[in-house]
Amino acid sequence: MNGGEEIWDRVYKSDNTFFGEERSNFAKFCFNYMITNKHVKKILDLGAGHGRDSIFFATNGFEVEALDYSVVAVEILTNIADKKRLPIKSTVFDIKKKPLPFPDSHFDAVYSHMLFNMRFSLGELHFILSEIRRVLKPNGWNFFSVRNRNDRFYGKGQEVEKGIYNINGFQIRFFTEKEIQSLAAPEGFEILQIKEEYEEPVTLYLVASKKH
């Protein structure tokens, strides 16, 4: 993601709980779906960061594979999981560069919180979604959140590509509902809910979708 490894390593070195230690509102949103579907046992957390949501899911009985391209973030999460003896396997991985390192139909749910906001091209986003679909079991869940154009930072900073802005060194894409649909539907996902929610300091769309 265009040098993002370095900026995120610096972030986590300076503050190893950059996003806080409590689970996100999005994790709770997804958890509510999961507990009503008893078959969800194995989760892939893409762009897990220092793992606050992976820890929440594992603490509540789910088996978690966590991927992030920040070496520092993965080290933080690995240490926490080891100390708490949680069922989390965390790995350094850059999804922009190669397919997911898992077999087909491996996970009951894939979870990504603000991952798609990073500086991916539309082609790369479609590739990521196609890989998510591949590793999901039939009728598996794909949960993702994205910052939207009601976010107070939308249009601020320097526009580096259409819809992508450099804000304090972070290159961020902001989405419309139509753009979410145009990404998900061609890759074989049925969107069941798009919910707008403010979580300090950003405005998000929380998306629950299922593999066709």
N, C-alpha and C. Protein backbone atom coordinates (compact mmCIF):
# COMPACT_ATOMS: atom_id res chain seq x y z
N MET A 1 0.81 -1.17 0.00
CA MET A 1 0.00 0.00 0.00
C MET A 1 0.86 1.25 0.00
N ASN A 2 1.79 1.23 -0.97
CA ASN A 2 2.54 2.43 -1.28
C ASN A 2 3.31 2.99 -0.09
N GLY A 3 4.09 2.09 0.54
CA GLY A 3 4.89 2.55 1.67
C GLY A 3 4.17 2.55 2.99
N GLY A 4 2.96 2.01 3.02
CA GLY A 4 2.19 2.04 4.25
C GLY A 4 2.80 1.25 5.39
N GLU A 5 3.62 0.24 5.04
CA GLU A 5 4.24 -0.56 6.09
C GLU A 5 5.02 0.33 7.05
N GLU A 6 5.78 1.26 6.48
CA GLU A 6 6.64 2.10 7.31
C GLU A 6 5.82 3.01 8.22
N ILE A 7 4.78 3.62 7.67
CA ILE A 7 4.00 4.54 8.51
C ILE A 7 3.29 3.79 9.62
N TRP A 8 2.76 2.59 9.33
CA TRP A 8 2.07 1.84 10.38
C TRP A 8 3.04 1.27 11.40
N ASP A 9 4.22 0.86 10.96
CA ASP A 9 5.23 0.43 11.94
C ASP A 9 5.58 1.57 12.88
N ARG A 10 5.73 2.78 12.33
CA ARG A 10 6.04 3.94 13.18
C ARG A 10 4.90 4.22 14.15
N VAL A 11 3.66 4.12 13.65
CA VAL A 11 2.49 4.36 14.51
C VAL A 11 2.49 3.40 15.69
N TYR A 12 2.67 2.10 15.42
CA TYR A 12 2.57 1.11 16.49
C TYR A 12 3.78 1.13 17.41
N LYS A 13 4.94 1.56 16.89
CA LYS A 13 6.10 1.71 17.77
C LYS A 13 5.89 2.85 18.76
N SER A 14 5.24 3.91 18.30
CA SER A 14 5.03 5.07 19.17
C SER A 14 3.83 4.88 20.10
N ASP A 15 2.84 4.07 19.65
CA ASP A 15 1.64 3.85 20.46
C ASP A 15 1.09 2.48 20.13
N ASN A 16 1.40 1.49 20.98
CA ASN A 16 1.00 0.11 20.66
C ASN A 16 -0.47 -0.18 20.90
N THR A 17 -1.22 0.84 21.31
CA THR A 17 -2.68 0.71 21.36
C THR A 17 -3.32 1.90 20.62
N PHE A 18 -2.81 2.16 19.43
CA PHE A 18 -3.19 3.33 18.63
C PHE A 18 -4.69 3.48 18.49
N PHE A 19 -5.40 2.38 18.26
CA PHE A 19 -6.86 2.42 18.09
C PHE A 19 -7.61 2.15 19.39
N GLY A 20 -6.88 2.08 20.49
CA GLY A 20 -7.51 1.77 21.76
C GLY A 20 -7.45 0.28 22.05
N GLU A 21 -7.78 -0.08 23.26
CA GLU A 21 -7.74 -1.49 23.67
C GLU A 21 -9.13 -2.13 23.66
N GLU A 22 -10.17 -1.33 23.70
CA GLU A 22 -11.53 -1.87 23.66
C GLU A 22 -11.90 -2.28 22.24
N ARG A 23 -12.73 -3.30 22.10
CA ARG A 23 -13.19 -3.70 20.77
C ARG A 23 -13.92 -2.55 20.11
N SER A 24 -13.91 -2.54 18.79
CA SER A 24 -14.60 -1.49 18.04
C SER A 24 -16.11 -1.72 18.05
N ASN A 25 -16.85 -0.68 17.75
CA ASN A 25 -18.30 -0.84 17.58
C ASN A 25 -18.61 -1.79 16.44
N PHE A 26 -17.77 -1.77 15.42
CA PHE A 26 -17.98 -2.65 14.27
C PHE A 26 -17.85 -4.12 14.68
N ALA A 27 -16.88 -4.42 15.55
CA ALA A 27 -16.73 -5.80 16.01
C ALA A 27 -17.99 -6.28 16.73
N LYS A 28 -18.58 -5.41 17.53
CA LYS A 28 -19.82 -5.77 18.22
C LYS A 28 -20.96 -5.97 17.23
N PHE A 29 -21.03 -5.12 16.22
CA PHE A 29 -22.02 -5.24 15.15
C PHE A 29 -21.92 -6.62 14.48
N CYS A 30 -20.70 -7.04 14.16
CA CYS A 30 -20.49 -8.33 13.51
C CYS A 30 -20.75 -9.49 14.47
N PHE A 31 -20.33 -9.33 15.70
CA PHE A 31 -20.54 -10.37 16.72
C PHE A 31 -22.03 -10.70 16.86
N ASN A 32 -22.87 -9.69 16.80
CA ASN A 32 -24.31 -9.92 16.90
C ASN A 32 -24.82 -10.79 15.77
N TYR A 33 -24.26 -10.62 14.57
CA TYR A 33 -24.62 -11.51 13.46
C TYR A 33 -24.10 -12.92 13.72
N MET A 34 -22.87 -13.01 14.20
CA MET A 34 -22.23 -14.32 14.36
C MET A 34 -22.92 -15.19 15.41
N ILE A 35 -23.35 -14.58 16.50
CA ILE A 35 -23.94 -15.40 17.56
C ILE A 35 -25.33 -15.91 17.21
N THR A 36 -25.94 -15.30 16.19
CA THR A 36 -27.23 -15.83 15.72
C THR A 36 -27.04 -16.89 14.64
N ASN A 37 -25.79 -17.09 14.23
CA ASN A 37 -25.47 -18.11 13.22
C ASN A 37 -24.43 -19.04 13.83
N LYS A 38 -24.91 -20.10 14.42
CA LYS A 38 -24.08 -20.95 15.27
C LYS A 38 -22.93 -21.63 14.51
N HIS A 39 -22.99 -21.65 13.18
CA HIS A 39 -21.94 -22.33 12.43
C HIS A 39 -20.66 -21.51 12.34
N VAL A 40 -20.68 -20.23 12.74
CA VAL A 40 -19.47 -19.40 12.67
C VAL A 40 -18.52 -19.77 13.80
N LYS A 41 -17.37 -20.32 13.42
CA LYS A 41 -16.38 -20.73 14.40
C LYS A 41 -14.99 -20.18 14.06
N LYS A 42 -14.68 -20.08 12.78
CA LYS A 42 -13.34 -19.68 12.35
C LYS A 42 -13.44 -18.36 11.58
N ILE A 43 -12.64 -17.36 12.03
CA ILE A 43 -12.70 -16.02 11.47
C ILE A 43 -11.32 -15.62 10.96
N LEU A 44 -11.31 -14.94 9.81
CA LEU A 44 -10.10 -14.29 9.31
C LEU A 44 -10.25 -12.78 9.51
N ASP A 45 -9.30 -12.20 10.23
CA ASP A 45 -9.27 -10.75 10.47
C ASP A 45 -8.19 -10.15 9.57
N LEU A 46 -8.63 -9.43 8.52
CA LEU A 46 -7.70 -8.83 7.57
C LEU A 46 -7.37 -7.40 7.99
N GLY A 47 -6.08 -7.08 8.01
CA GLY A 47 -5.68 -5.76 8.48
C GLY A 47 -5.96 -5.63 9.96
N ALA A 48 -5.54 -6.62 10.72
CA ALA A 48 -5.93 -6.73 12.13
C ALA A 48 -5.26 -5.69 13.02
N GLY A 49 -4.17 -5.06 12.56
CA GLY A 49 -3.48 -4.10 13.40
C GLY A 49 -2.97 -4.76 14.68
N HIS A 50 -3.05 -4.05 15.79
CA HIS A 50 -2.58 -4.61 17.06
C HIS A 50 -3.60 -5.55 17.69
N GLY A 51 -4.74 -5.77 17.00
CA GLY A 51 -5.56 -6.92 17.34
C GLY A 51 -6.67 -6.74 18.34
N ARG A 52 -7.12 -5.51 18.59
CA ARG A 52 -8.16 -5.35 19.61
C ARG A 52 -9.42 -6.14 19.26
N ASP A 53 -9.77 -6.22 17.96
CA ASP A 53 -10.98 -6.96 17.59
C ASP A 53 -10.72 -8.46 17.51
N SER A 54 -9.54 -8.85 17.05
CA SER A 54 -9.17 -10.27 17.10
C SER A 54 -9.25 -10.79 18.53
N ILE A 55 -8.74 -10.01 19.46
CA ILE A 55 -8.78 -10.40 20.88
C ILE A 55 -10.21 -10.53 21.36
N PHE A 56 -11.07 -9.60 20.98
CA PHE A 56 -12.49 -9.66 21.35
C PHE A 56 -13.14 -10.94 20.82
N PHE A 57 -12.90 -11.25 19.55
CA PHE A 57 -13.51 -12.46 18.98
C PHE A 57 -12.97 -13.72 19.65
N ALA A 58 -11.66 -13.78 19.83
CA ALA A 58 -11.06 -14.97 20.45
C ALA A 58 -11.53 -15.15 21.88
N THR A 59 -11.66 -14.05 22.61
CA THR A 59 -12.13 -14.12 24.00
C THR A 59 -13.55 -14.66 24.07
N ASN A 60 -14.31 -14.47 22.98
CA ASN A 60 -15.69 -14.94 22.93
C ASN A 60 -15.84 -16.29 22.22
N GLY A 61 -14.73 -17.01 22.10
CA GLY A 61 -14.82 -18.40 21.67
C GLY A 61 -14.57 -18.69 20.21
N PHE A 62 -14.20 -17.68 19.43
CA PHE A 62 -13.92 -17.92 18.01
C PHE A 62 -12.43 -18.18 17.80
N GLU A 63 -12.13 -18.99 16.80
CA GLU A 63 -10.75 -19.21 16.37
C GLU A 63 -10.41 -18.15 15.33
N VAL A 64 -9.29 -17.45 15.51
CA VAL A 64 -8.98 -16.30 14.67
C VAL A 64 -7.63 -16.45 13.98
N GLU A 65 -7.61 -16.20 12.67
CA GLU A 65 -6.38 -15.98 11.92
C GLU A 65 -6.32 -14.48 11.64
N ALA A 66 -5.23 -13.83 12.02
CA ALA A 66 -5.10 -12.38 11.87
C ALA A 66 -3.94 -12.06 10.94
N LEU A 67 -4.19 -11.25 9.92
CA LEU A 67 -3.15 -10.83 9.00
C LEU A 67 -2.99 -9.31 9.05
N ASP A 68 -1.74 -8.86 9.02
CA ASP A 68 -1.47 -7.43 8.89
C ASP A 68 -0.09 -7.27 8.28
N TYR A 69 0.13 -6.18 7.55
CA TYR A 69 1.44 -6.01 6.92
C TYR A 69 2.42 -5.23 7.78
N SER A 70 2.02 -4.81 8.97
CA SER A 70 2.94 -4.18 9.91
C SER A 70 3.57 -5.24 10.81
N VAL A 71 4.87 -5.38 10.71
CA VAL A 71 5.60 -6.34 11.54
C VAL A 71 5.40 -6.01 13.02
N VAL A 72 5.44 -4.73 13.34
CA VAL A 72 5.30 -4.30 14.74
C VAL A 72 3.93 -4.67 15.29
N ALA A 73 2.87 -4.42 14.50
CA ALA A 73 1.51 -4.74 14.95
C ALA A 73 1.35 -6.23 15.20
N VAL A 74 1.88 -7.04 14.30
CA VAL A 74 1.76 -8.50 14.45
C VAL A 74 2.52 -8.98 15.68
N GLU A 75 3.68 -8.39 15.96
CA GLU A 75 4.41 -8.74 17.17
C GLU A 75 3.61 -8.41 18.43
N ILE A 76 2.96 -7.25 18.43
CA ILE A 76 2.14 -6.85 19.58
C ILE A 76 1.02 -7.86 19.80
N LEU A 77 0.30 -8.18 18.72
CA LEU A 77 -0.82 -9.10 18.84
C LEU A 77 -0.36 -10.50 19.24
N THR A 78 0.75 -10.97 18.68
CA THR A 78 1.26 -12.29 19.03
C THR A 78 1.59 -12.37 20.52
N ASN A 79 2.22 -11.33 21.03
CA ASN A 79 2.58 -11.32 22.46
C ASN A 79 1.34 -11.34 23.35
N ILE A 80 0.34 -10.55 22.99
CA ILE A 80 -0.89 -10.52 23.78
C ILE A 80 -1.60 -11.88 23.75
N ALA A 81 -1.71 -12.45 22.54
CA ALA A 81 -2.38 -13.74 22.40
C ALA A 81 -1.66 -14.83 23.20
N ASP A 82 -0.33 -14.80 23.17
CA ASP A 82 0.44 -15.79 23.93
C ASP A 82 0.21 -15.64 25.43
N LYS A 83 0.26 -14.41 25.91
CA LYS A 83 0.09 -14.16 27.34
C LYS A 83 -1.30 -14.57 27.82
N LYS A 84 -2.31 -14.30 26.98
CA LYS A 84 -3.69 -14.61 27.37
C LYS A 84 -4.14 -15.99 26.93
N ARG A 85 -3.24 -16.69 26.22
CA ARG A 85 -3.54 -18.03 25.71
C ARG A 85 -4.82 -18.04 24.87
N LEU A 86 -4.86 -17.13 23.95
CA LEU A 86 -6.03 -16.99 23.07
C LEU A 86 -5.79 -17.71 21.74
N PRO A 87 -6.87 -18.25 21.13
CA PRO A 87 -6.73 -18.97 19.86
C PRO A 87 -6.61 -18.01 18.67
N ILE A 88 -5.48 -17.29 18.63
CA ILE A 88 -5.21 -16.33 17.55
C ILE A 88 -3.87 -16.67 16.93
N LYS A 89 -3.85 -16.83 15.62
CA LYS A 89 -2.60 -16.98 14.89
C LYS A 89 -2.41 -15.73 14.05
N SER A 90 -1.38 -14.94 14.32
CA SER A 90 -1.17 -13.68 13.60
C SER A 90 0.06 -13.79 12.71
N THR A 91 -0.06 -13.24 11.50
CA THR A 91 0.96 -13.39 10.47
C THR A 91 1.16 -12.07 9.73
N VAL A 92 2.41 -11.77 9.40
CA VAL A 92 2.70 -10.60 8.56
C VAL A 92 2.37 -10.95 7.12
N PHE A 93 1.54 -10.12 6.48
CA PHE A 93 1.10 -10.43 5.11
C PHE A 93 0.61 -9.15 4.43
N ASP A 94 0.99 -8.98 3.17
CA ASP A 94 0.53 -7.85 2.36
C ASP A 94 -0.42 -8.37 1.29
N ILE A 95 -1.70 -8.15 1.51
CA ILE A 95 -2.71 -8.69 0.60
C ILE A 95 -2.66 -8.06 -0.77
N LYS A 96 -2.01 -6.92 -0.89
CA LYS A 96 -1.90 -6.25 -2.18
C LYS A 96 -1.00 -7.01 -3.14
N LYS A 97 -0.13 -7.84 -2.60
CA LYS A 97 0.92 -8.44 -3.42
C LYS A 97 0.66 -9.87 -3.86
N LYS A 98 -0.18 -10.62 -3.10
CA LYS A 98 -0.36 -12.02 -3.46
C LYS A 98 -1.65 -12.57 -2.87
N PRO A 99 -2.09 -13.74 -3.36
CA PRO A 99 -3.33 -14.33 -2.86
C PRO A 99 -3.24 -14.68 -1.38
N LEU A 100 -4.39 -14.77 -0.74
CA LEU A 100 -4.44 -15.13 0.67
C LEU A 100 -3.84 -16.53 0.88
N PRO A 101 -3.08 -16.73 1.95
CA PRO A 101 -2.36 -17.99 2.16
C PRO A 101 -3.21 -19.07 2.83
N PHE A 102 -4.41 -19.27 2.29
CA PHE A 102 -5.34 -20.24 2.86
C PHE A 102 -6.02 -21.01 1.73
N PRO A 103 -6.46 -22.23 2.01
CA PRO A 103 -7.18 -23.00 0.99
C PRO A 103 -8.59 -22.47 0.77
N ASP A 104 -9.21 -22.95 -0.28
CA ASP A 104 -10.59 -22.57 -0.58
C ASP A 104 -11.52 -23.00 0.57
N SER A 105 -12.58 -22.24 0.76
CA SER A 105 -13.65 -22.59 1.70
C SER A 105 -13.12 -22.91 3.10
N HIS A 106 -12.28 -22.04 3.62
CA HIS A 106 -11.57 -22.31 4.87
C HIS A 106 -12.20 -21.60 6.08
N PHE A 107 -12.84 -20.46 5.87
CA PHE A 107 -13.35 -19.64 6.96
C PHE A 107 -14.88 -19.51 6.93
N ASP A 108 -15.44 -19.36 8.13
CA ASP A 108 -16.88 -19.09 8.24
C ASP A 108 -17.18 -17.60 8.06
N ALA A 109 -16.22 -16.75 8.40
CA ALA A 109 -16.41 -15.31 8.28
C ALA A 109 -15.06 -14.63 8.05
N VAL A 110 -15.10 -13.57 7.25
CA VAL A 110 -13.93 -12.70 7.06
C VAL A 110 -14.32 -11.31 7.54
N TYR A 111 -13.42 -10.71 8.29
CA TYR A 111 -13.68 -9.42 8.96
C TYR A 111 -12.57 -8.46 8.60
N SER A 112 -12.94 -7.25 8.16
CA SER A 112 -11.92 -6.23 7.90
C SER A 112 -12.48 -4.86 8.28
N HIS A 113 -11.81 -4.21 9.21
CA HIS A 113 -12.26 -2.93 9.76
C HIS A 113 -11.40 -1.81 9.18
N MET A 114 -11.96 -1.07 8.22
CA MET A 114 -11.33 0.07 7.56
C MET A 114 -10.14 -0.31 6.67
N LEU A 115 -9.96 -1.61 6.39
CA LEU A 115 -8.87 -2.03 5.50
C LEU A 115 -9.03 -1.44 4.10
N PHE A 116 -10.25 -1.48 3.57
CA PHE A 116 -10.47 -1.06 2.18
C PHE A 116 -10.26 0.44 1.97
N ASN A 117 -10.14 1.18 3.08
CA ASN A 117 -9.86 2.61 2.96
C ASN A 117 -8.42 2.92 2.58
N MET A 118 -7.55 1.93 2.67
CA MET A 118 -6.16 2.17 2.31
C MET A 118 -6.04 2.42 0.81
N ARG A 119 -4.84 2.80 0.37
CA ARG A 119 -4.67 3.18 -1.03
C ARG A 119 -4.56 1.96 -1.94
N PHE A 120 -5.71 1.35 -2.21
CA PHE A 120 -5.83 0.29 -3.20
C PHE A 120 -6.45 0.87 -4.46
N SER A 121 -6.05 0.34 -5.61
CA SER A 121 -6.77 0.65 -6.85
C SER A 121 -8.08 -0.13 -6.84
N LEU A 122 -9.00 0.24 -7.73
CA LEU A 122 -10.26 -0.51 -7.81
C LEU A 122 -9.99 -1.96 -8.22
N GLY A 123 -9.00 -2.15 -9.10
CA GLY A 123 -8.64 -3.52 -9.49
C GLY A 123 -8.14 -4.33 -8.32
N GLU A 124 -7.35 -3.72 -7.46
CA GLU A 124 -6.84 -4.41 -6.27
C GLU A 124 -7.97 -4.72 -5.29
N LEU A 125 -8.93 -3.81 -5.16
CA LEU A 125 -10.07 -4.08 -4.28
C LEU A 125 -10.88 -5.26 -4.78
N HIS A 126 -11.09 -5.33 -6.10
CA HIS A 126 -11.82 -6.47 -6.66
C HIS A 126 -11.04 -7.77 -6.43
N PHE A 127 -9.72 -7.70 -6.56
CA PHE A 127 -8.90 -8.89 -6.31
C PHE A 127 -9.03 -9.34 -4.86
N ILE A 128 -8.95 -8.40 -3.94
CA ILE A 128 -9.08 -8.75 -2.51
C ILE A 128 -10.42 -9.39 -2.24
N LEU A 129 -11.49 -8.82 -2.78
CA LEU A 129 -12.82 -9.38 -2.56
C LEU A 129 -12.95 -10.76 -3.19
N SER A 130 -12.31 -10.97 -4.36
CA SER A 130 -12.36 -12.30 -4.98
C SER A 130 -11.63 -13.32 -4.12
N GLU A 131 -10.54 -12.90 -3.47
CA GLU A 131 -9.81 -13.79 -2.57
C GLU A 131 -10.61 -14.07 -1.30
N ILE A 132 -11.28 -13.06 -0.79
CA ILE A 132 -12.15 -13.28 0.37
C ILE A 132 -13.22 -14.30 0.03
N ARG A 133 -13.83 -14.15 -1.12
CA ARG A 133 -14.87 -15.10 -1.53
C ARG A 133 -14.30 -16.51 -1.64
N ARG A 134 -13.09 -16.63 -2.19
CA ARG A 134 -12.47 -17.95 -2.37
C ARG A 134 -12.26 -18.66 -1.03
N VAL A 135 -11.79 -17.93 -0.01
CA VAL A 135 -11.46 -18.60 1.26
C VAL A 135 -12.67 -18.77 2.18
N LEU A 136 -13.81 -18.18 1.80
CA LEU A 136 -15.02 -18.35 2.59
C LEU A 136 -15.73 -19.66 2.25
N LYS A 137 -16.32 -20.26 3.25
CA LYS A 137 -17.17 -21.41 3.03
C LYS A 137 -18.47 -20.96 2.33
N PRO A 138 -19.21 -21.89 1.74
CA PRO A 138 -20.51 -21.52 1.16
C PRO A 138 -21.38 -20.79 2.18
N ASN A 139 -21.99 -19.71 1.75
CA ASN A 139 -22.83 -18.86 2.62
C ASN A 139 -22.03 -18.19 3.74
N GLY A 140 -20.71 -18.12 3.58
CA GLY A 140 -19.89 -17.47 4.59
C GLY A 140 -20.11 -15.97 4.62
N TRP A 141 -19.76 -15.36 5.74
CA TRP A 141 -19.97 -13.93 5.97
C TRP A 141 -18.74 -13.12 5.60
N ASN A 142 -18.97 -12.01 4.93
CA ASN A 142 -17.91 -11.03 4.68
C ASN A 142 -18.35 -9.72 5.33
N PHE A 143 -17.69 -9.39 6.43
CA PHE A 143 -17.98 -8.14 7.14
C PHE A 143 -16.86 -7.14 6.87
N PHE A 144 -17.22 -5.93 6.45
CA PHE A 144 -16.19 -4.91 6.29
C PHE A 144 -16.77 -3.53 6.58
N SER A 145 -15.90 -2.67 7.07
CA SER A 145 -16.29 -1.28 7.32
C SER A 145 -15.42 -0.37 6.47
N VAL A 146 -16.00 0.74 6.05
CA VAL A 146 -15.25 1.73 5.26
C VAL A 146 -15.67 3.14 5.68
N ARG A 147 -14.74 4.06 5.59
CA ARG A 147 -15.09 5.46 5.83
C ARG A 147 -15.89 5.97 4.64
N ASN A 148 -16.88 6.81 4.92
CA ASN A 148 -17.73 7.27 3.84
C ASN A 148 -17.62 8.78 3.63
N ARG A 149 -18.39 9.29 2.70
CA ARG A 149 -18.21 10.69 2.30
C ARG A 149 -18.94 11.68 3.20
N ASN A 150 -19.54 11.17 4.26
CA ASN A 150 -20.04 12.05 5.33
C ASN A 150 -18.98 12.27 6.41
N ASP A 151 -17.86 11.55 6.28
CA ASP A 151 -16.74 11.71 7.20
C ASP A 151 -16.23 13.15 7.14
N ARG A 152 -15.93 13.72 8.27
CA ARG A 152 -15.53 15.13 8.30
C ARG A 152 -14.18 15.38 7.63
N PHE A 153 -13.42 14.33 7.37
CA PHE A 153 -12.13 14.48 6.70
C PHE A 153 -12.24 14.33 5.18
N TYR A 154 -13.42 13.93 4.68
CA TYR A 154 -13.56 13.75 3.24
C TYR A 154 -13.33 15.07 2.51
N GLY A 155 -12.50 15.02 1.47
CA GLY A 155 -12.20 16.21 0.70
C GLY A 155 -11.10 17.07 1.28
N LYS A 156 -10.60 16.67 2.46
CA LYS A 156 -9.52 17.43 3.09
C LYS A 156 -8.16 16.87 2.63
N GLY A 157 -7.10 17.61 2.86
CA GLY A 157 -5.78 17.16 2.46
C GLY A 157 -5.63 17.20 0.95
N GLN A 158 -4.63 16.50 0.45
CA GLN A 158 -4.34 16.48 -0.98
C GLN A 158 -4.97 15.25 -1.63
N GLU A 159 -5.70 15.46 -2.72
CA GLU A 159 -6.27 14.33 -3.47
C GLU A 159 -5.16 13.70 -4.31
N VAL A 160 -4.80 12.46 -3.99
CA VAL A 160 -3.71 11.78 -4.70
C VAL A 160 -4.21 10.91 -5.84
N GLU A 161 -5.46 10.47 -5.74
CA GLU A 161 -6.18 9.79 -6.81
C GLU A 161 -7.64 10.15 -6.62
N LYS A 162 -8.47 9.86 -7.62
CA LYS A 162 -9.88 10.18 -7.49
C LYS A 162 -10.47 9.48 -6.26
N GLY A 163 -10.99 10.27 -5.31
CA GLY A 163 -11.61 9.71 -4.11
C GLY A 163 -10.64 9.32 -3.01
N ILE A 164 -9.32 9.51 -3.25
CA ILE A 164 -8.31 9.14 -2.26
C ILE A 164 -7.54 10.39 -1.86
N TYR A 165 -7.47 10.64 -0.56
CA TYR A 165 -6.86 11.86 -0.04
C TYR A 165 -5.73 11.54 0.93
N ASN A 166 -4.65 12.32 0.81
CA ASN A 166 -3.54 12.21 1.75
C ASN A 166 -3.84 13.13 2.93
N ILE A 167 -4.14 12.52 4.07
CA ILE A 167 -4.50 13.27 5.27
C ILE A 167 -3.49 12.92 6.36
N ASN A 168 -2.61 13.86 6.63
CA ASN A 168 -1.57 13.68 7.65
C ASN A 168 -0.72 12.43 7.41
N GLY A 169 -0.42 12.16 6.14
CA GLY A 169 0.42 11.03 5.79
C GLY A 169 -0.31 9.73 5.52
N PHE A 170 -1.61 9.67 5.83
CA PHE A 170 -2.43 8.49 5.57
C PHE A 170 -3.23 8.71 4.29
N GLN A 171 -3.12 7.77 3.35
CA GLN A 171 -3.82 7.89 2.08
C GLN A 171 -5.12 7.09 2.18
N ILE A 172 -6.24 7.81 2.12
CA ILE A 172 -7.53 7.25 2.52
C ILE A 172 -8.55 7.37 1.38
N ARG A 173 -9.24 6.26 1.10
CA ARG A 173 -10.35 6.26 0.15
C ARG A 173 -11.66 6.37 0.93
N PHE A 174 -12.57 7.20 0.44
CA PHE A 174 -13.88 7.39 1.04
C PHE A 174 -14.94 6.84 0.09
N PHE A 175 -15.92 6.11 0.61
CA PHE A 175 -16.87 5.35 -0.20
C PHE A 175 -18.29 5.92 -0.15
N THR A 176 -19.01 5.69 -1.25
CA THR A 176 -20.46 5.87 -1.27
C THR A 176 -21.10 4.48 -1.18
N GLU A 177 -22.39 4.44 -0.86
CA GLU A 177 -23.09 3.15 -0.85
C GLU A 177 -23.07 2.51 -2.23
N LYS A 178 -23.22 3.32 -3.27
CA LYS A 178 -23.21 2.80 -4.64
C LYS A 178 -21.87 2.14 -4.95
N GLU A 179 -20.78 2.73 -4.50
CA GLU A 179 -19.46 2.15 -4.74
C GLU A 179 -19.29 0.83 -4.01
N ILE A 180 -19.84 0.73 -2.81
CA ILE A 180 -19.79 -0.53 -2.07
C ILE A 180 -20.52 -1.62 -2.84
N GLN A 181 -21.72 -1.29 -3.32
CA GLN A 181 -22.50 -2.27 -4.09
C GLN A 181 -21.77 -2.68 -5.36
N SER A 182 -21.15 -1.72 -6.04
CA SER A 182 -20.49 -2.01 -7.31
C SER A 182 -19.23 -2.86 -7.13
N LEU A 183 -18.65 -2.84 -5.93
CA LEU A 183 -17.52 -3.70 -5.63
C LEU A 183 -17.97 -5.10 -5.22
N ALA A 184 -18.98 -5.16 -4.36
CA ALA A 184 -19.36 -6.44 -3.76
C ALA A 184 -20.13 -7.34 -4.71
N ALA A 185 -21.10 -6.79 -5.40
CA ALA A 185 -21.99 -7.62 -6.24
C ALA A 185 -21.24 -8.40 -7.33
N PRO A 186 -20.33 -7.78 -8.09
CA PRO A 186 -19.63 -8.55 -9.13
C PRO A 186 -18.76 -9.67 -8.59
N GLU A 187 -18.36 -9.56 -7.32
CA GLU A 187 -17.51 -10.60 -6.71
C GLU A 187 -18.33 -11.66 -5.98
N GLY A 188 -19.65 -11.63 -6.14
CA GLY A 188 -20.48 -12.70 -5.62
C GLY A 188 -20.92 -12.55 -4.19
N PHE A 189 -21.08 -11.29 -3.74
CA PHE A 189 -21.55 -11.05 -2.38
C PHE A 189 -22.92 -10.37 -2.39
N GLU A 190 -23.79 -10.88 -1.53
CA GLU A 190 -25.08 -10.24 -1.31
C GLU A 190 -24.98 -9.38 -0.06
N ILE A 191 -25.23 -8.09 -0.22
CA ILE A 191 -25.17 -7.19 0.92
C ILE A 191 -26.50 -7.23 1.66
N LEU A 192 -26.44 -7.56 2.94
CA LEU A 192 -27.63 -7.67 3.78
C LEU A 192 -27.89 -6.40 4.57
N GLN A 193 -26.84 -5.67 4.90
CA GLN A 193 -27.03 -4.43 5.65
C GLN A 193 -25.86 -3.49 5.43
N ILE A 194 -26.17 -2.22 5.24
CA ILE A 194 -25.17 -1.15 5.28
C ILE A 194 -25.68 -0.15 6.31
N LYS A 195 -24.93 -0.01 7.38
CA LYS A 195 -25.33 0.86 8.47
C LYS A 195 -24.30 1.98 8.64
N GLU A 196 -24.76 3.21 8.67
CA GLU A 196 -23.84 4.32 8.92
C GLU A 196 -23.67 4.51 10.42
N GLU A 197 -22.42 4.70 10.83
CA GLU A 197 -22.15 4.90 12.26
C GLU A 197 -20.94 5.79 12.45
N TYR A 198 -21.03 6.67 13.41
CA TYR A 198 -19.90 7.52 13.77
C TYR A 198 -19.13 6.86 14.91
N GLU A 199 -17.84 6.69 14.71
CA GLU A 199 -16.97 6.16 15.77
C GLU A 199 -15.76 7.08 15.82
N GLU A 200 -15.68 7.90 16.83
CA GLU A 200 -14.66 8.94 16.96
C GLU A 200 -13.29 8.50 16.44
N PRO A 201 -12.69 9.19 15.45
CA PRO A 201 -13.14 10.46 14.87
C PRO A 201 -13.73 10.31 13.46
N VAL A 202 -14.18 9.11 13.07
CA VAL A 202 -14.54 8.84 11.68
C VAL A 202 -16.02 8.47 11.53
N THR A 203 -16.52 8.62 10.31
CA THR A 203 -17.88 8.20 9.97
C THR A 203 -17.79 7.03 9.01
N LEU A 204 -18.44 5.94 9.36
CA LEU A 204 -18.26 4.66 8.67
C LEU A 204 -19.56 4.13 8.09
N TYR A 205 -19.40 3.29 7.06
CA TYR A 205 -20.44 2.34 6.69
C TYR A 205 -20.02 0.98 7.24
N LEU A 206 -20.89 0.36 8.00
CA LEU A 206 -20.68 -1.00 8.49
C LEU A 206 -21.44 -1.94 7.56
N VAL A 207 -20.75 -2.89 6.98
CA VAL A 207 -21.35 -3.72 5.92
C VAL A 207 -21.36 -5.19 6.32
N ALA A 208 -22.54 -5.79 6.26
CA ALA A 208 -22.69 -7.24 6.45
C ALA A 208 -23.10 -7.84 5.11
N SER A 209 -22.30 -8.78 4.61
CA SER A 209 -22.61 -9.41 3.33
C SER A 209 -22.33 -10.90 3.42
N LYS A 210 -22.92 -11.65 2.48
CA LYS A 210 -22.75 -13.11 2.45
C LYS A 210 -22.33 -13.55 1.07
N LYS A 211 -21.52 -14.59 1.06
CA LYS A 211 -21.12 -15.22 -0.20
C LYS A 211 -22.32 -15.91 -0.83
N HIS A 212 -22.53 -15.66 -2.10
CA HIS A 212 -23.64 -16.33 -2.81
C HIS A 212 -23.39 -17.83 -2.87
